Amino acid sequence: MSSAETSPSTTARPMLGRPAIGRGEKVRTAVLAATLAELAETGYAALTVDGVAQRAGVHKTTVYRRWKDRDALIVDALAGQIAADIPIPDTGSVDQDLRLLARGLAAWLTGPAGSAVLAALLSDAVRVPAMAEARARIFDDRLRRAEPVVRRAVERGELPPGTDPAEVIKNLAAPLYFRVLITNEPVDAATADRAATAVLTAARHHGLG
């Protein structure tokens, strides 16, 4: 026999440790990404399922098979941003962790995904109950994911006992959101660093409990 006859086909071998992504999941990912892109480009009011489907390269009936209506699609797209956008640092230093966290938030707020989320949450979508729920889920999740940064700092003795993790994270984020939503001032790494320094000083010397 030739070596071609005795050797198994490489295409028949299963790939270990890297499960294949099914077409259904690929379509879902493409549609949700297209929804966020449409939100960023057109805003909540002008977003249509037709526009999302065209951007995702699928037929609109494919979208409707997975989401009952436009708002259900938007809620799913926004909720999907919760876990992935802002990495939660663990450098062993609260100073560095807060700086990285603030810089991640600043980049998100000024990037396409953050702009799309804020545009949807602050538009007429707030009148839609499902959207109000999504807004609460998004901000509650941001707090919950970031709070270990503060708890670890208290355990290491870098922050006083009784420091409230939620208050620290809220005070870290507040000046960044204020610039984006109220004063329309630039938000960059320097802005993030100043916010981190201010909240760390307040937590260490004045208490945020």
N, C-alpha and C. Protein backbone atom coordinates (compact mmCIF):
# COMPACT_ATOMS: atom_id res chain seq x y z
N MET A 1 0.84 -1.20 0.00
CA MET A 1 0.00 0.00 0.00
C MET A 1 0.87 1.24 0.00
N SER A 2 0.36 2.29 -0.60
CA SER A 2 1.09 3.55 -0.59
C SER A 2 0.87 4.25 0.73
N SER A 3 1.72 5.21 1.00
CA SER A 3 1.58 5.95 2.26
C SER A 3 0.27 6.70 2.31
N ALA A 4 -0.26 7.09 1.13
CA ALA A 4 -1.54 7.79 1.10
C ALA A 4 -2.66 6.89 1.55
N GLU A 5 -2.51 5.53 1.29
CA GLU A 5 -3.56 4.60 1.66
C GLU A 5 -3.49 4.23 3.14
N THR A 6 -2.28 4.26 3.72
CA THR A 6 -2.14 3.82 5.10
C THR A 6 -2.28 4.96 6.09
N SER A 7 -2.07 6.21 5.63
CA SER A 7 -2.16 7.35 6.55
C SER A 7 -3.58 7.89 6.59
N PRO A 8 -4.13 8.10 7.79
CA PRO A 8 -5.47 8.66 7.85
C PRO A 8 -5.48 10.08 7.35
N SER A 9 -6.59 10.48 6.80
CA SER A 9 -6.73 11.83 6.26
C SER A 9 -6.67 12.84 7.40
N THR A 10 -5.89 13.88 7.21
CA THR A 10 -5.79 14.91 8.24
C THR A 10 -7.10 15.65 8.42
N THR A 11 -7.91 15.69 7.38
CA THR A 11 -9.18 16.40 7.52
C THR A 11 -10.17 15.62 8.35
N ALA A 12 -9.90 14.33 8.56
CA ALA A 12 -10.82 13.51 9.34
C ALA A 12 -10.49 13.52 10.82
N ARG A 13 -9.32 14.06 11.17
CA ARG A 13 -8.92 14.05 12.56
C ARG A 13 -9.65 15.15 13.33
N PRO A 14 -10.19 14.86 14.49
CA PRO A 14 -10.83 15.91 15.28
C PRO A 14 -9.79 16.86 15.85
N MET A 15 -10.13 18.12 15.95
CA MET A 15 -9.23 19.10 16.54
C MET A 15 -9.43 19.08 18.04
N LEU A 16 -8.35 18.89 18.78
CA LEU A 16 -8.44 18.78 20.22
C LEU A 16 -8.24 20.15 20.86
N GLY A 17 -9.04 20.43 21.89
CA GLY A 17 -8.88 21.66 22.66
C GLY A 17 -9.40 22.90 21.98
N ARG A 18 -9.98 22.80 20.80
CA ARG A 18 -10.52 23.97 20.11
C ARG A 18 -11.84 23.59 19.46
N PRO A 19 -12.93 23.59 20.23
CA PRO A 19 -14.20 23.18 19.69
C PRO A 19 -14.65 24.10 18.56
N ALA A 20 -15.22 23.51 17.54
CA ALA A 20 -15.68 24.28 16.40
C ALA A 20 -16.88 25.13 16.78
N ILE A 21 -16.94 26.32 16.19
CA ILE A 21 -18.09 27.19 16.41
C ILE A 21 -19.11 26.91 15.33
N GLY A 22 -20.32 26.55 15.77
CA GLY A 22 -21.38 26.22 14.81
C GLY A 22 -21.85 27.43 14.05
N ARG A 23 -22.50 27.18 12.92
CA ARG A 23 -23.00 28.28 12.10
C ARG A 23 -23.98 29.15 12.88
N GLY A 24 -24.81 28.49 13.70
CA GLY A 24 -25.78 29.27 14.45
C GLY A 24 -25.14 30.30 15.35
N GLU A 25 -24.04 29.92 16.03
CA GLU A 25 -23.35 30.84 16.91
C GLU A 25 -22.63 31.92 16.11
N LYS A 26 -22.10 31.56 14.96
CA LYS A 26 -21.45 32.56 14.11
C LYS A 26 -22.46 33.61 13.64
N VAL A 27 -23.65 33.13 13.26
CA VAL A 27 -24.70 34.06 12.82
C VAL A 27 -25.10 34.98 13.97
N ARG A 28 -25.28 34.39 15.15
CA ARG A 28 -25.68 35.19 16.32
C ARG A 28 -24.63 36.26 16.62
N THR A 29 -23.37 35.87 16.60
CA THR A 29 -22.29 36.82 16.88
C THR A 29 -22.27 37.94 15.84
N ALA A 30 -22.45 37.58 14.58
CA ALA A 30 -22.45 38.57 13.50
C ALA A 30 -23.61 39.54 13.64
N VAL A 31 -24.78 39.03 13.98
CA VAL A 31 -25.97 39.87 14.11
C VAL A 31 -25.83 40.83 15.30
N LEU A 32 -25.33 40.33 16.43
CA LEU A 32 -25.17 41.20 17.60
C LEU A 32 -24.12 42.28 17.34
N ALA A 33 -23.03 41.92 16.66
CA ALA A 33 -22.02 42.91 16.31
C ALA A 33 -22.60 43.95 15.36
N ALA A 34 -23.40 43.50 14.41
CA ALA A 34 -24.03 44.42 13.46
C ALA A 34 -25.01 45.35 14.17
N THR A 35 -25.70 44.82 15.18
CA THR A 35 -26.64 45.65 15.94
C THR A 35 -25.91 46.78 16.64
N LEU A 36 -24.80 46.48 17.28
CA LEU A 36 -24.01 47.51 17.95
C LEU A 36 -23.48 48.54 16.95
N ALA A 37 -23.04 48.05 15.80
CA ALA A 37 -22.53 48.97 14.78
C ALA A 37 -23.63 49.89 14.27
N GLU A 38 -24.82 49.33 14.09
CA GLU A 38 -25.96 50.15 13.64
C GLU A 38 -26.35 51.17 14.70
N LEU A 39 -26.33 50.77 15.96
CA LEU A 39 -26.63 51.71 17.04
C LEU A 39 -25.65 52.88 17.03
N ALA A 40 -24.38 52.56 16.86
CA ALA A 40 -23.36 53.61 16.85
C ALA A 40 -23.54 54.55 15.66
N GLU A 41 -23.97 54.00 14.53
CA GLU A 41 -24.05 54.79 13.29
C GLU A 41 -25.36 55.52 13.15
N THR A 42 -26.47 54.86 13.50
CA THR A 42 -27.80 55.45 13.23
C THR A 42 -28.54 55.88 14.48
N GLY A 43 -28.16 55.33 15.66
CA GLY A 43 -28.91 55.62 16.87
C GLY A 43 -30.07 54.66 17.06
N TYR A 44 -30.63 54.70 18.26
CA TYR A 44 -31.70 53.76 18.60
C TYR A 44 -32.93 53.94 17.71
N ALA A 45 -33.38 55.18 17.57
CA ALA A 45 -34.65 55.42 16.88
C ALA A 45 -34.62 54.96 15.43
N ALA A 46 -33.47 55.12 14.77
CA ALA A 46 -33.39 54.82 13.34
C ALA A 46 -32.97 53.38 13.05
N LEU A 47 -32.61 52.63 14.08
CA LEU A 47 -32.16 51.26 13.85
C LEU A 47 -33.31 50.39 13.35
N THR A 48 -33.03 49.59 12.32
CA THR A 48 -34.03 48.66 11.79
C THR A 48 -33.45 47.26 11.69
N VAL A 49 -34.33 46.28 11.76
CA VAL A 49 -33.89 44.90 11.59
C VAL A 49 -33.32 44.70 10.19
N ASP A 50 -33.92 45.35 9.19
CA ASP A 50 -33.40 45.26 7.82
C ASP A 50 -31.95 45.73 7.75
N GLY A 51 -31.67 46.86 8.41
CA GLY A 51 -30.32 47.41 8.40
C GLY A 51 -29.33 46.48 9.09
N VAL A 52 -29.75 45.91 10.21
CA VAL A 52 -28.88 44.97 10.94
C VAL A 52 -28.61 43.75 10.08
N ALA A 53 -29.67 43.19 9.49
CA ALA A 53 -29.51 41.99 8.67
C ALA A 53 -28.57 42.23 7.50
N GLN A 54 -28.74 43.39 6.84
CA GLN A 54 -27.87 43.70 5.70
C GLN A 54 -26.41 43.82 6.15
N ARG A 55 -26.18 44.48 7.27
CA ARG A 55 -24.82 44.64 7.76
C ARG A 55 -24.21 43.30 8.16
N ALA A 56 -25.04 42.41 8.73
CA ALA A 56 -24.55 41.10 9.18
C ALA A 56 -24.43 40.10 8.04
N GLY A 57 -25.01 40.43 6.87
CA GLY A 57 -24.94 39.52 5.74
C GLY A 57 -25.90 38.35 5.85
N VAL A 58 -27.06 38.57 6.50
CA VAL A 58 -28.06 37.52 6.63
C VAL A 58 -29.42 38.09 6.20
N HIS A 59 -30.38 37.19 6.03
CA HIS A 59 -31.73 37.64 5.70
C HIS A 59 -32.44 38.03 6.98
N LYS A 60 -33.37 38.99 6.88
CA LYS A 60 -34.04 39.45 8.10
C LYS A 60 -34.87 38.36 8.77
N THR A 61 -35.32 37.36 7.98
CA THR A 61 -36.05 36.26 8.61
C THR A 61 -35.15 35.46 9.55
N THR A 62 -33.86 35.44 9.25
CA THR A 62 -32.90 34.78 10.14
C THR A 62 -32.85 35.49 11.48
N VAL A 63 -32.92 36.81 11.43
CA VAL A 63 -32.92 37.59 12.67
C VAL A 63 -34.19 37.32 13.47
N TYR A 64 -35.32 37.34 12.79
CA TYR A 64 -36.60 37.16 13.49
C TYR A 64 -36.78 35.75 14.05
N ARG A 65 -36.07 34.79 13.51
CA ARG A 65 -36.13 33.45 14.09
C ARG A 65 -35.48 33.39 15.47
N ARG A 66 -34.55 34.30 15.73
CA ARG A 66 -33.81 34.29 16.99
C ARG A 66 -34.26 35.36 17.96
N TRP A 67 -34.78 36.47 17.47
CA TRP A 67 -35.25 37.56 18.33
C TRP A 67 -36.65 37.96 17.90
N LYS A 68 -37.54 38.11 18.86
CA LYS A 68 -38.95 38.33 18.54
C LYS A 68 -39.20 39.70 17.91
N ASP A 69 -38.37 40.69 18.28
CA ASP A 69 -38.57 42.03 17.72
C ASP A 69 -37.26 42.82 17.83
N ARG A 70 -37.32 44.05 17.38
CA ARG A 70 -36.14 44.90 17.36
C ARG A 70 -35.58 45.17 18.76
N ASP A 71 -36.47 45.44 19.71
CA ASP A 71 -36.00 45.76 21.06
C ASP A 71 -35.35 44.56 21.73
N ALA A 72 -35.88 43.38 21.50
CA ALA A 72 -35.25 42.18 22.06
C ALA A 72 -33.84 42.00 21.51
N LEU A 73 -33.67 42.31 20.24
CA LEU A 73 -32.35 42.24 19.61
C LEU A 73 -31.39 43.25 20.23
N ILE A 74 -31.86 44.47 20.43
CA ILE A 74 -31.01 45.51 20.99
C ILE A 74 -30.61 45.18 22.41
N VAL A 75 -31.56 44.70 23.22
CA VAL A 75 -31.26 44.33 24.60
C VAL A 75 -30.19 43.25 24.64
N ASP A 76 -30.32 42.25 23.79
CA ASP A 76 -29.35 41.16 23.76
C ASP A 76 -27.98 41.66 23.36
N ALA A 77 -27.93 42.57 22.39
CA ALA A 77 -26.65 43.11 21.93
C ALA A 77 -25.97 43.91 23.03
N LEU A 78 -26.74 44.72 23.75
CA LEU A 78 -26.16 45.53 24.81
C LEU A 78 -25.70 44.65 25.97
N ALA A 79 -26.54 43.69 26.35
CA ALA A 79 -26.17 42.81 27.46
C ALA A 79 -24.91 42.01 27.15
N GLY A 80 -24.71 41.70 25.89
CA GLY A 80 -23.55 40.93 25.49
C GLY A 80 -22.24 41.68 25.66
N GLN A 81 -22.33 43.01 25.84
CA GLN A 81 -21.12 43.81 26.02
C GLN A 81 -20.62 43.78 27.47
N ILE A 82 -21.46 43.29 28.38
CA ILE A 82 -21.16 43.42 29.81
C ILE A 82 -19.83 42.80 30.18
N ALA A 83 -19.60 41.58 29.73
CA ALA A 83 -18.46 40.82 30.24
C ALA A 83 -17.14 41.11 29.55
N ALA A 84 -17.17 41.58 28.32
CA ALA A 84 -15.96 41.53 27.51
C ALA A 84 -15.21 42.86 27.35
N ASP A 85 -15.89 43.98 27.55
CA ASP A 85 -15.32 45.25 27.09
C ASP A 85 -14.22 45.83 27.97
N ILE A 86 -14.38 45.73 29.29
CA ILE A 86 -13.44 46.39 30.19
C ILE A 86 -12.74 45.34 31.04
N PRO A 87 -11.49 45.02 30.76
CA PRO A 87 -10.77 44.03 31.56
C PRO A 87 -10.64 44.48 33.01
N ILE A 88 -10.73 43.53 33.93
CA ILE A 88 -10.57 43.83 35.35
C ILE A 88 -9.15 43.47 35.75
N PRO A 89 -8.31 44.45 36.08
CA PRO A 89 -6.89 44.18 36.35
C PRO A 89 -6.67 43.56 37.72
N ASP A 90 -5.55 42.88 37.87
CA ASP A 90 -5.14 42.31 39.14
C ASP A 90 -3.62 42.32 39.17
N THR A 91 -3.04 43.50 39.36
CA THR A 91 -1.59 43.67 39.28
C THR A 91 -0.91 43.49 40.63
N GLY A 92 -1.70 43.47 41.71
CA GLY A 92 -1.11 43.43 43.04
C GLY A 92 -0.91 44.80 43.64
N SER A 93 -1.27 45.85 42.92
CA SER A 93 -1.16 47.22 43.40
C SER A 93 -2.47 47.94 43.13
N VAL A 94 -3.10 48.51 44.15
CA VAL A 94 -4.37 49.19 43.94
C VAL A 94 -4.19 50.43 43.07
N ASP A 95 -3.06 51.09 43.19
CA ASP A 95 -2.80 52.26 42.36
C ASP A 95 -2.82 51.89 40.89
N GLN A 96 -2.08 50.84 40.55
CA GLN A 96 -2.03 50.41 39.15
C GLN A 96 -3.37 49.84 38.70
N ASP A 97 -4.02 49.09 39.57
CA ASP A 97 -5.32 48.50 39.20
C ASP A 97 -6.35 49.58 38.88
N LEU A 98 -6.42 50.61 39.71
CA LEU A 98 -7.41 51.67 39.49
C LEU A 98 -7.09 52.46 38.23
N ARG A 99 -5.80 52.67 37.96
CA ARG A 99 -5.42 53.38 36.73
C ARG A 99 -5.83 52.57 35.49
N LEU A 100 -5.53 51.28 35.52
CA LEU A 100 -5.88 50.44 34.37
C LEU A 100 -7.38 50.34 34.21
N LEU A 101 -8.09 50.24 35.32
CA LEU A 101 -9.55 50.16 35.25
C LEU A 101 -10.13 51.44 34.68
N ALA A 102 -9.63 52.58 35.13
CA ALA A 102 -10.11 53.86 34.62
C ALA A 102 -9.77 54.04 33.14
N ARG A 103 -8.57 53.61 32.75
CA ARG A 103 -8.19 53.72 31.34
C ARG A 103 -9.06 52.81 30.46
N GLY A 104 -9.38 51.62 30.98
CA GLY A 104 -10.26 50.73 30.22
C GLY A 104 -11.64 51.33 30.05
N LEU A 105 -12.16 51.94 31.10
CA LEU A 105 -13.47 52.59 31.01
C LEU A 105 -13.43 53.76 30.05
N ALA A 106 -12.36 54.56 30.12
CA ALA A 106 -12.24 55.70 29.22
C ALA A 106 -12.21 55.25 27.76
N ALA A 107 -11.46 54.18 27.48
CA ALA A 107 -11.39 53.68 26.11
C ALA A 107 -12.75 53.16 25.66
N TRP A 108 -13.47 52.50 26.57
CA TRP A 108 -14.79 51.98 26.22
C TRP A 108 -15.78 53.11 25.95
N LEU A 109 -15.78 54.12 26.82
CA LEU A 109 -16.72 55.23 26.68
C LEU A 109 -16.53 55.97 25.36
N THR A 110 -15.30 56.05 24.88
CA THR A 110 -15.02 56.80 23.66
C THR A 110 -14.93 55.92 22.43
N GLY A 111 -15.08 54.60 22.60
CA GLY A 111 -15.01 53.68 21.47
C GLY A 111 -16.37 53.38 20.88
N PRO A 112 -16.41 52.63 19.79
CA PRO A 112 -17.69 52.35 19.11
C PRO A 112 -18.70 51.61 19.99
N ALA A 113 -18.25 50.60 20.73
CA ALA A 113 -19.19 49.82 21.54
C ALA A 113 -19.80 50.67 22.65
N GLY A 114 -18.95 51.40 23.37
CA GLY A 114 -19.46 52.24 24.44
C GLY A 114 -20.37 53.34 23.93
N SER A 115 -20.01 53.94 22.81
CA SER A 115 -20.86 54.98 22.22
C SER A 115 -22.22 54.42 21.84
N ALA A 116 -22.22 53.21 21.30
CA ALA A 116 -23.49 52.58 20.91
C ALA A 116 -24.35 52.29 22.13
N VAL A 117 -23.72 51.77 23.18
CA VAL A 117 -24.48 51.45 24.39
C VAL A 117 -25.07 52.72 25.00
N LEU A 118 -24.26 53.75 25.14
CA LEU A 118 -24.76 54.98 25.74
C LEU A 118 -25.83 55.64 24.89
N ALA A 119 -25.65 55.61 23.58
CA ALA A 119 -26.65 56.20 22.70
C ALA A 119 -28.00 55.51 22.87
N ALA A 120 -27.99 54.20 22.98
CA ALA A 120 -29.23 53.46 23.14
C ALA A 120 -29.84 53.68 24.51
N LEU A 121 -29.03 53.64 25.54
CA LEU A 121 -29.55 53.74 26.90
C LEU A 121 -30.05 55.13 27.24
N LEU A 122 -29.56 56.14 26.54
CA LEU A 122 -29.95 57.51 26.86
C LEU A 122 -30.93 58.10 25.85
N SER A 123 -31.42 57.28 24.94
CA SER A 123 -32.37 57.75 23.94
C SER A 123 -33.78 57.43 24.40
N ASP A 124 -34.73 57.45 23.47
CA ASP A 124 -36.10 57.09 23.80
C ASP A 124 -36.23 55.66 24.27
N ALA A 125 -35.17 54.89 24.15
CA ALA A 125 -35.21 53.49 24.57
C ALA A 125 -35.48 53.36 26.06
N VAL A 126 -35.24 54.41 26.83
CA VAL A 126 -35.47 54.32 28.28
C VAL A 126 -36.95 54.11 28.59
N ARG A 127 -37.81 54.40 27.61
CA ARG A 127 -39.23 54.20 27.84
C ARG A 127 -39.65 52.74 27.63
N VAL A 128 -38.75 51.95 27.09
CA VAL A 128 -39.03 50.53 26.86
C VAL A 128 -38.61 49.76 28.10
N PRO A 129 -39.54 49.04 28.77
CA PRO A 129 -39.19 48.35 30.02
C PRO A 129 -37.99 47.44 29.87
N ALA A 130 -37.90 46.70 28.79
CA ALA A 130 -36.77 45.79 28.61
C ALA A 130 -35.45 46.54 28.53
N MET A 131 -35.49 47.74 27.95
CA MET A 131 -34.28 48.52 27.84
C MET A 131 -33.87 49.09 29.20
N ALA A 132 -34.86 49.49 30.00
CA ALA A 132 -34.56 49.96 31.34
C ALA A 132 -33.91 48.86 32.17
N GLU A 133 -34.41 47.64 31.98
CA GLU A 133 -33.82 46.50 32.67
C GLU A 133 -32.39 46.25 32.19
N ALA A 134 -32.18 46.38 30.90
CA ALA A 134 -30.83 46.19 30.35
C ALA A 134 -29.87 47.22 30.91
N ARG A 135 -30.34 48.46 31.03
CA ARG A 135 -29.48 49.51 31.59
C ARG A 135 -29.06 49.17 33.01
N ALA A 136 -30.03 48.73 33.83
CA ALA A 136 -29.71 48.36 35.21
C ALA A 136 -28.72 47.19 35.23
N ARG A 137 -28.93 46.21 34.35
CA ARG A 137 -28.04 45.06 34.31
C ARG A 137 -26.63 45.46 33.93
N ILE A 138 -26.51 46.37 32.97
CA ILE A 138 -25.19 46.77 32.49
C ILE A 138 -24.40 47.46 33.60
N PHE A 139 -25.01 48.44 34.26
CA PHE A 139 -24.26 49.19 35.26
C PHE A 139 -24.06 48.40 36.54
N ASP A 140 -25.03 47.58 36.92
CA ASP A 140 -24.84 46.72 38.09
C ASP A 140 -23.71 45.72 37.85
N ASP A 141 -23.66 45.19 36.64
CA ASP A 141 -22.62 44.22 36.32
C ASP A 141 -21.25 44.87 36.31
N ARG A 142 -21.16 46.10 35.79
CA ARG A 142 -19.88 46.81 35.78
C ARG A 142 -19.36 46.95 37.21
N LEU A 143 -20.24 47.34 38.12
CA LEU A 143 -19.84 47.50 39.52
C LEU A 143 -19.39 46.16 40.11
N ARG A 144 -20.21 45.14 39.90
CA ARG A 144 -19.93 43.83 40.50
C ARG A 144 -18.59 43.29 40.04
N ARG A 145 -18.28 43.45 38.76
CA ARG A 145 -17.03 42.91 38.23
C ARG A 145 -15.81 43.67 38.72
N ALA A 146 -15.98 44.97 38.99
CA ALA A 146 -14.84 45.79 39.38
C ALA A 146 -14.58 45.79 40.88
N GLU A 147 -15.58 45.45 41.68
CA GLU A 147 -15.44 45.54 43.13
C GLU A 147 -14.29 44.70 43.70
N PRO A 148 -13.95 43.53 43.14
CA PRO A 148 -12.81 42.78 43.70
C PRO A 148 -11.49 43.54 43.71
N VAL A 149 -11.33 44.51 42.81
CA VAL A 149 -10.13 45.34 42.82
C VAL A 149 -9.98 46.03 44.18
N VAL A 150 -11.09 46.54 44.70
CA VAL A 150 -11.06 47.25 45.98
C VAL A 150 -10.96 46.26 47.14
N ARG A 151 -11.68 45.17 47.07
CA ARG A 151 -11.63 44.19 48.16
C ARG A 151 -10.22 43.63 48.34
N ARG A 152 -9.54 43.35 47.23
CA ARG A 152 -8.17 42.86 47.32
C ARG A 152 -7.25 43.91 47.94
N ALA A 153 -7.48 45.17 47.62
CA ALA A 153 -6.65 46.25 48.17
C ALA A 153 -6.85 46.36 49.68
N VAL A 154 -8.08 46.19 50.15
CA VAL A 154 -8.34 46.21 51.59
C VAL A 154 -7.63 45.04 52.26
N GLU A 155 -7.69 43.86 51.66
CA GLU A 155 -7.03 42.68 52.23
C GLU A 155 -5.51 42.85 52.29
N ARG A 156 -4.94 43.57 51.33
CA ARG A 156 -3.48 43.80 51.33
C ARG A 156 -3.08 44.95 52.25
N GLY A 157 -4.06 45.65 52.81
CA GLY A 157 -3.76 46.78 53.68
C GLY A 157 -3.50 48.08 52.94
N GLU A 158 -3.82 48.13 51.64
CA GLU A 158 -3.61 49.36 50.86
C GLU A 158 -4.74 50.36 51.05
N LEU A 159 -5.90 49.88 51.46
CA LEU A 159 -7.04 50.74 51.75
C LEU A 159 -7.58 50.40 53.13
N PRO A 160 -8.21 51.37 53.80
CA PRO A 160 -8.68 51.13 55.17
C PRO A 160 -9.79 50.08 55.22
N PRO A 161 -9.87 49.33 56.33
CA PRO A 161 -11.00 48.42 56.52
C PRO A 161 -12.31 49.21 56.48
N GLY A 162 -13.32 48.61 55.92
CA GLY A 162 -14.61 49.29 55.82
C GLY A 162 -14.78 50.09 54.55
N THR A 163 -13.73 50.17 53.73
CA THR A 163 -13.87 50.86 52.44
C THR A 163 -14.94 50.17 51.61
N ASP A 164 -15.86 50.93 51.07
CA ASP A 164 -16.97 50.38 50.28
C ASP A 164 -16.53 50.24 48.82
N PRO A 165 -16.40 49.01 48.31
CA PRO A 165 -15.95 48.84 46.93
C PRO A 165 -16.83 49.56 45.92
N ALA A 166 -18.15 49.50 46.11
CA ALA A 166 -19.05 50.14 45.15
C ALA A 166 -18.84 51.65 45.12
N GLU A 167 -18.61 52.27 46.30
CA GLU A 167 -18.40 53.71 46.33
C GLU A 167 -17.11 54.10 45.64
N VAL A 168 -16.07 53.30 45.82
CA VAL A 168 -14.80 53.59 45.15
C VAL A 168 -14.97 53.53 43.63
N ILE A 169 -15.63 52.50 43.15
CA ILE A 169 -15.79 52.34 41.69
C ILE A 169 -16.69 53.43 41.13
N LYS A 170 -17.74 53.80 41.85
CA LYS A 170 -18.63 54.88 41.39
C LYS A 170 -17.87 56.20 41.30
N ASN A 171 -17.05 56.48 42.32
CA ASN A 171 -16.28 57.73 42.32
C ASN A 171 -15.19 57.72 41.26
N LEU A 172 -14.71 56.55 40.92
CA LEU A 172 -13.73 56.44 39.84
C LEU A 172 -14.37 56.73 38.48
N ALA A 173 -15.56 56.19 38.28
CA ALA A 173 -16.23 56.32 36.98
C ALA A 173 -16.91 57.66 36.78
N ALA A 174 -17.37 58.28 37.87
CA ALA A 174 -18.20 59.48 37.76
C ALA A 174 -17.59 60.60 36.92
N PRO A 175 -16.32 60.99 37.15
CA PRO A 175 -15.79 62.09 36.33
C PRO A 175 -15.66 61.76 34.86
N LEU A 176 -15.47 60.49 34.55
CA LEU A 176 -15.37 60.10 33.14
C LEU A 176 -16.73 60.19 32.46
N TYR A 177 -17.76 59.66 33.13
CA TYR A 177 -19.11 59.77 32.58
C TYR A 177 -19.55 61.23 32.48
N PHE A 178 -19.18 62.04 33.48
CA PHE A 178 -19.55 63.46 33.48
C PHE A 178 -19.00 64.16 32.24
N ARG A 179 -17.75 63.88 31.91
CA ARG A 179 -17.15 64.51 30.73
C ARG A 179 -17.83 64.06 29.44
N VAL A 180 -18.15 62.77 29.37
CA VAL A 180 -18.75 62.24 28.14
C VAL A 180 -20.19 62.72 27.98
N LEU A 181 -20.96 62.71 29.07
CA LEU A 181 -22.40 62.93 28.98
C LEU A 181 -22.83 64.38 29.23
N ILE A 182 -22.06 65.11 30.01
CA ILE A 182 -22.51 66.45 30.41
C ILE A 182 -21.70 67.56 29.74
N THR A 183 -20.39 67.54 29.91
CA THR A 183 -19.58 68.66 29.41
C THR A 183 -18.99 68.42 28.03
N ASN A 184 -19.07 67.18 27.56
CA ASN A 184 -18.53 66.84 26.24
C ASN A 184 -17.05 67.20 26.11
N GLU A 185 -16.31 66.99 27.19
CA GLU A 185 -14.87 67.22 27.19
C GLU A 185 -14.14 65.94 26.78
N PRO A 186 -12.90 66.07 26.34
CA PRO A 186 -12.14 64.87 25.96
C PRO A 186 -11.93 63.94 27.15
N VAL A 187 -11.93 62.65 26.86
CA VAL A 187 -11.64 61.62 27.86
C VAL A 187 -10.51 60.77 27.31
N ASP A 188 -9.38 60.80 27.99
CA ASP A 188 -8.22 60.05 27.52
C ASP A 188 -7.50 59.42 28.70
N ALA A 189 -6.33 58.89 28.45
CA ALA A 189 -5.58 58.21 29.51
C ALA A 189 -5.23 59.16 30.65
N ALA A 190 -4.90 60.41 30.32
CA ALA A 190 -4.57 61.39 31.36
C ALA A 190 -5.78 61.68 32.24
N THR A 191 -6.93 61.79 31.63
CA THR A 191 -8.17 61.98 32.39
C THR A 191 -8.41 60.81 33.32
N ALA A 192 -8.22 59.60 32.80
CA ALA A 192 -8.41 58.39 33.60
C ALA A 192 -7.44 58.35 34.77
N ASP A 193 -6.19 58.72 34.52
CA ASP A 193 -5.19 58.70 35.60
C ASP A 193 -5.54 59.69 36.70
N ARG A 194 -6.04 60.86 36.33
CA ARG A 194 -6.44 61.84 37.34
C ARG A 194 -7.60 61.33 38.17
N ALA A 195 -8.56 60.67 37.53
CA ALA A 195 -9.69 60.11 38.27
C ALA A 195 -9.22 59.04 39.24
N ALA A 196 -8.29 58.20 38.81
CA ALA A 196 -7.77 57.15 39.67
C ALA A 196 -7.02 57.73 40.87
N THR A 197 -6.21 58.76 40.63
CA THR A 197 -5.46 59.39 41.71
C THR A 197 -6.39 60.03 42.72
N ALA A 198 -7.42 60.71 42.24
CA ALA A 198 -8.37 61.39 43.12
C ALA A 198 -9.13 60.41 44.00
N VAL A 199 -9.61 59.33 43.41
CA VAL A 199 -10.40 58.39 44.20
C VAL A 199 -9.51 57.63 45.17
N LEU A 200 -8.28 57.34 44.79
CA LEU A 200 -7.37 56.64 45.70
C LEU A 200 -7.02 57.52 46.90
N THR A 201 -6.79 58.80 46.65
CA THR A 201 -6.51 59.74 47.75
C THR A 201 -7.70 59.84 48.69
N ALA A 202 -8.89 59.94 48.11
CA ALA A 202 -10.10 60.03 48.93
C ALA A 202 -10.30 58.77 49.77
N ALA A 203 -10.09 57.61 49.16
CA ALA A 203 -10.29 56.36 49.88
C ALA A 203 -9.27 56.18 51.00
N ARG A 204 -8.03 56.59 50.76
CA ARG A 204 -6.97 56.40 51.76
C ARG A 204 -7.06 57.39 52.92
N HIS A 205 -7.41 58.62 52.63
CA HIS A 205 -7.29 59.67 53.64
C HIS A 205 -8.62 60.17 54.20
N HIS A 206 -9.69 60.00 53.44
CA HIS A 206 -10.97 60.52 53.88
C HIS A 206 -12.00 59.42 54.11
N GLY A 207 -11.74 58.26 53.55
CA GLY A 207 -12.66 57.14 53.73
C GLY A 207 -13.81 57.18 52.73
N LEU A 208 -14.07 56.05 52.14
CA LEU A 208 -15.23 55.89 51.24
C LEU A 208 -15.96 54.63 51.72
N GLY A 209 -16.62 54.76 52.87
CA GLY A 209 -17.28 53.62 53.47
C GLY A 209 -18.78 53.74 53.46
